[in-house]
Protein backbone atom coordinates (compact mmCIF):
# COMPACT_ATOMS: atom_id res chain seq x y z
CA MET A 1 31.25 -0.66 -22.15
CA LYS A 2 32.05 2.86 -21.10
CA SER A 3 35.42 1.92 -19.37
CA LYS A 4 36.44 0.02 -22.58
CA LYS A 5 35.60 3.02 -24.79
CA ALA A 6 37.49 5.62 -22.44
CA TRP A 7 40.42 3.16 -22.68
CA LEU A 8 40.28 3.12 -26.41
CA ILE A 9 40.14 6.84 -26.35
CA GLY A 10 43.23 7.00 -23.88
CA ILE A 11 45.24 4.62 -26.01
CA THR A 12 44.46 6.49 -29.38
CA VAL A 13 45.42 9.93 -27.77
CA ALA A 14 48.70 8.61 -26.47
CA PHE A 15 49.75 7.12 -29.69
CA LEU A 16 48.75 10.62 -31.55
CA VAL A 17 50.84 12.47 -28.95
CA THR A 18 53.62 9.94 -29.08
CA TRP A 19 53.65 10.07 -33.07
CA PHE A 20 53.45 13.87 -32.92
CA SER A 21 56.43 14.22 -30.69
CA PHE A 22 58.61 11.93 -32.82
CA GLY A 23 57.54 13.74 -36.00
CA THR A 24 58.56 17.07 -34.94
CA ALA A 25 61.75 16.15 -33.04
CA HIS A 26 63.08 14.97 -36.46
CA SER A 27 62.14 18.09 -38.32
CA GLN A 28 63.84 20.68 -35.93
CA ASP A 29 65.17 23.59 -38.10
CA LEU A 30 67.50 26.14 -36.19
CA SER A 31 68.88 27.55 -39.37
CA GLY A 32 66.79 30.81 -38.54
CA TRP A 33 69.53 31.56 -35.87
CA VAL A 34 72.35 31.56 -38.15
CA GLY A 35 73.73 35.10 -38.37
CA THR A 36 72.67 36.23 -34.91
CA TRP A 37 74.99 37.57 -32.38
CA PHE A 38 74.86 37.15 -28.43
CA LYS A 39 76.71 39.50 -25.92
CA LEU A 40 77.61 36.81 -23.33
CA THR A 41 78.62 37.50 -19.31
CA SER A 42 80.52 34.71 -17.98
CA THR A 43 80.99 34.53 -14.28
CA SER A 44 82.96 31.77 -12.68
CA LYS A 45 83.96 30.93 -9.06
CA GLY A 46 86.16 28.16 -7.83
CA TYR A 47 89.58 27.07 -6.40
CA ASP A 48 93.16 27.03 -7.29
CA THR A 49 95.53 24.43 -5.94
CA SER A 50 99.27 24.16 -5.96
CA ASN A 51 101.81 21.44 -5.39
CA GLU A 52 102.69 22.33 -1.94
CA PRO A 53 101.59 19.47 0.40
CA ASP A 54 100.03 21.63 3.08
CA HIS A 55 98.47 24.11 0.69
CA ILE A 56 94.73 25.25 1.11
CA PRO A 57 93.07 25.65 -2.13
CA GLN A 58 92.73 29.56 -2.81
CA ALA A 59 89.35 31.10 -3.86
CA LEU A 60 89.15 32.17 -7.55
CA SER A 61 86.54 34.38 -9.25
CA ASP A 62 86.37 35.81 -12.68
CA LYS A 63 83.83 37.83 -15.13
CA SER A 64 84.26 38.42 -18.58
CA THR A 65 82.33 39.49 -21.78
CA ALA A 66 82.30 37.58 -25.03
CA TYR A 67 80.36 37.94 -28.33
CA LEU A 68 79.08 34.56 -30.03
CA LYS A 69 77.74 34.49 -33.47
CA ILE A 70 76.01 31.50 -34.82
CA THR A 71 77.60 30.50 -38.00
CA ALA A 72 75.64 27.38 -39.26
CA TRP A 73 73.33 24.87 -38.37
CA ASN A 74 74.91 21.46 -39.00
CA THR A 75 72.50 18.57 -39.55
CA THR A 76 74.92 16.29 -41.31
CA ASN A 77 74.65 13.59 -38.40
CA GLN A 78 70.79 13.70 -37.73
CA SER A 79 71.47 12.12 -34.23
CA ASP A 80 73.83 15.12 -33.19
CA LYS A 81 72.89 18.27 -34.77
CA PHE A 82 74.51 21.31 -33.65
CA LEU A 83 74.92 24.85 -34.00
CA SER A 84 78.35 26.04 -35.08
CA CYS A 85 79.57 29.48 -33.41
CA SER A 86 82.38 31.76 -33.21
CA VAL A 87 83.35 33.47 -30.11
CA TYR A 88 85.14 36.69 -29.74
CA ASP A 89 86.77 38.08 -26.66
CA GLN A 90 89.92 39.81 -25.26
CA ASP A 91 92.75 38.71 -23.11
CA GLU A 92 93.98 40.84 -20.00
CA ASP A 93 95.97 43.00 -22.43
CA GLY A 94 93.01 43.70 -24.80
CA ASN A 95 94.18 41.61 -27.49
CA PRO A 96 91.18 40.04 -29.39
CA ASN A 97 90.74 36.10 -29.50
CA GLN A 98 88.73 34.22 -31.83
CA SER A 99 87.60 30.43 -31.11
CA SER A 100 85.14 28.29 -32.81
CA ILE A 101 82.52 26.20 -30.69
CA SER A 102 79.72 23.66 -31.29
CA LEU A 103 76.42 24.10 -29.31
CA HIS A 104 74.94 20.43 -29.57
CA TYR A 105 71.18 20.48 -29.93
CA VAL A 106 69.61 18.75 -26.98
CA GLY A 107 65.70 19.29 -27.66
CA GLY A 108 63.07 21.92 -27.54
CA THR A 109 61.56 24.04 -30.14
CA ASP A 110 62.94 26.50 -32.76
CA LEU A 111 62.47 29.43 -30.24
CA ASP A 112 63.06 27.51 -27.00
CA PHE A 113 65.77 24.68 -26.77
CA LEU A 114 68.52 23.34 -24.97
CA VAL A 115 72.23 23.02 -26.03
CA LEU A 116 75.34 21.03 -24.58
CA CYS A 117 78.76 22.18 -25.10
CA HIS A 118 82.06 20.92 -24.06
CA ILE A 119 85.50 22.41 -25.22
CA ALA A 120 88.52 19.98 -24.41
CA SER A 121 91.57 22.28 -24.19
CA GLU A 122 94.27 23.53 -21.56
CA GLN A 123 91.33 25.01 -19.86
CA ASN A 124 88.52 22.51 -20.24
CA VAL A 125 84.98 24.20 -20.30
CA GLY A 126 81.32 22.65 -20.39
CA PHE A 127 77.95 23.58 -19.94
CA ILE A 128 74.19 23.04 -20.51
CA GLY A 129 72.56 26.19 -21.94
CA ARG A 130 68.96 27.37 -22.80
CA ILE A 131 68.49 29.61 -25.66
CA THR A 132 64.97 31.38 -26.11
CA GLY A 133 63.78 33.92 -28.54
CA LYS A 134 60.61 35.97 -29.48
CA GLN A 135 59.62 36.66 -33.18
CA SER A 136 57.44 39.23 -34.50
CA SER A 137 55.82 38.72 -37.99
CA GLY A 138 58.49 35.87 -38.35
CA ILE A 139 61.54 38.04 -37.55
CA LEU A 140 63.58 37.33 -34.40
CA LYS A 141 63.08 40.25 -32.24
CA SER A 142 64.82 39.38 -28.99
CA ALA A 143 66.53 36.37 -27.47
CA THR A 144 68.31 35.04 -24.36
CA PHE A 145 71.26 32.59 -23.52
CA LYS A 146 71.52 31.21 -19.97
CA THR A 147 73.51 28.22 -18.72
CA LEU A 148 71.69 25.79 -16.39
CA GLY A 149 75.08 24.53 -15.03
CA GLY A 150 78.65 24.88 -16.03
CA TYR A 151 82.26 24.14 -15.35
CA SER A 152 85.87 25.01 -16.13
CA TYR A 153 88.96 23.04 -14.82
CA ALA A 154 92.70 22.82 -15.72
CA ARG A 155 95.25 20.69 -14.34
CA SER A 156 99.23 20.93 -14.61
CA SER A 157 100.46 19.90 -17.85
CA ASP A 158 103.22 17.98 -16.10
CA PRO A 159 101.65 15.48 -13.89
CA ILE A 160 105.09 14.22 -12.59
CA LEU A 161 106.64 17.50 -11.46
CA ASN A 162 103.51 19.20 -10.60
CA PRO A 163 100.76 16.50 -10.01
CA ARG A 164 98.29 18.60 -7.95
CA SER A 165 98.40 21.79 -9.48
CA GLY A 166 94.98 22.86 -11.02
CA GLU A 167 92.03 24.86 -10.57
CA ALA A 168 88.29 24.10 -10.89
CA GLU A 169 85.41 26.58 -11.15
CA GLY A 170 81.47 26.73 -11.16
CA LEU A 171 80.56 28.62 -14.62
CA THR A 172 77.53 31.04 -15.25
CA ILE A 173 76.93 32.33 -18.59
CA THR A 174 74.23 34.61 -19.53
CA GLY A 175 73.53 37.02 -22.53
CA SER A 176 71.12 38.37 -24.97
CA LEU A 177 70.85 38.95 -28.59
CA ILE A 178 72.60 42.05 -29.98
CA SER A 179 72.57 43.76 -33.46
CA GLU A 180 75.82 43.56 -35.28
CA SER A 181 75.73 47.51 -35.39
CA LYS A 182 76.30 47.44 -31.56
CA LEU A 183 79.51 45.22 -31.73
CA PRO A 184 82.59 46.73 -30.46
CA SER A 185 85.09 47.72 -33.15
CA TRP A 186 87.43 45.00 -32.34
CA VAL A 187 84.83 42.30 -33.25
CA PRO A 188 84.96 41.40 -36.84
CA LYS A 189 81.64 41.71 -38.49
């Protein structure tokens, strides 16, 4: 009789945990992150190849800074919620650039969650990242951004004349919350 009672309690607990997990997963709300800024540092290491038959891939490395603003929490498609973001950086000559990206919600809580990003362009970029935050009295006080893994690759735009030219790099992005007042002057507020 005791084993039957223990089994029944186990099934009940498993049911409640499962029900609670599904209930909270569908009610995720990251709208509290809208308007926040991150200062990000991107580090990449990889290889460049050329069209020469005897070419040995050459090592590449780069480090850059960008500023990311979360502009919206998009829940139109409940199976693919994402944070809309604007990213600001500078080119080699110091000219400012702005691009838009989506950080697709993978799972977690409002203050500790995973995101997925893939940017398809001349330079394809993708990563899985973790965003964590700390609140005090309901106000976000600090936050971090860190990739779990990332990549960047590009291939020649002319696969006939230059079929083996390209580059591939591993990508690490880290960052933290920054107040709007500490943004550089070239970043629009």
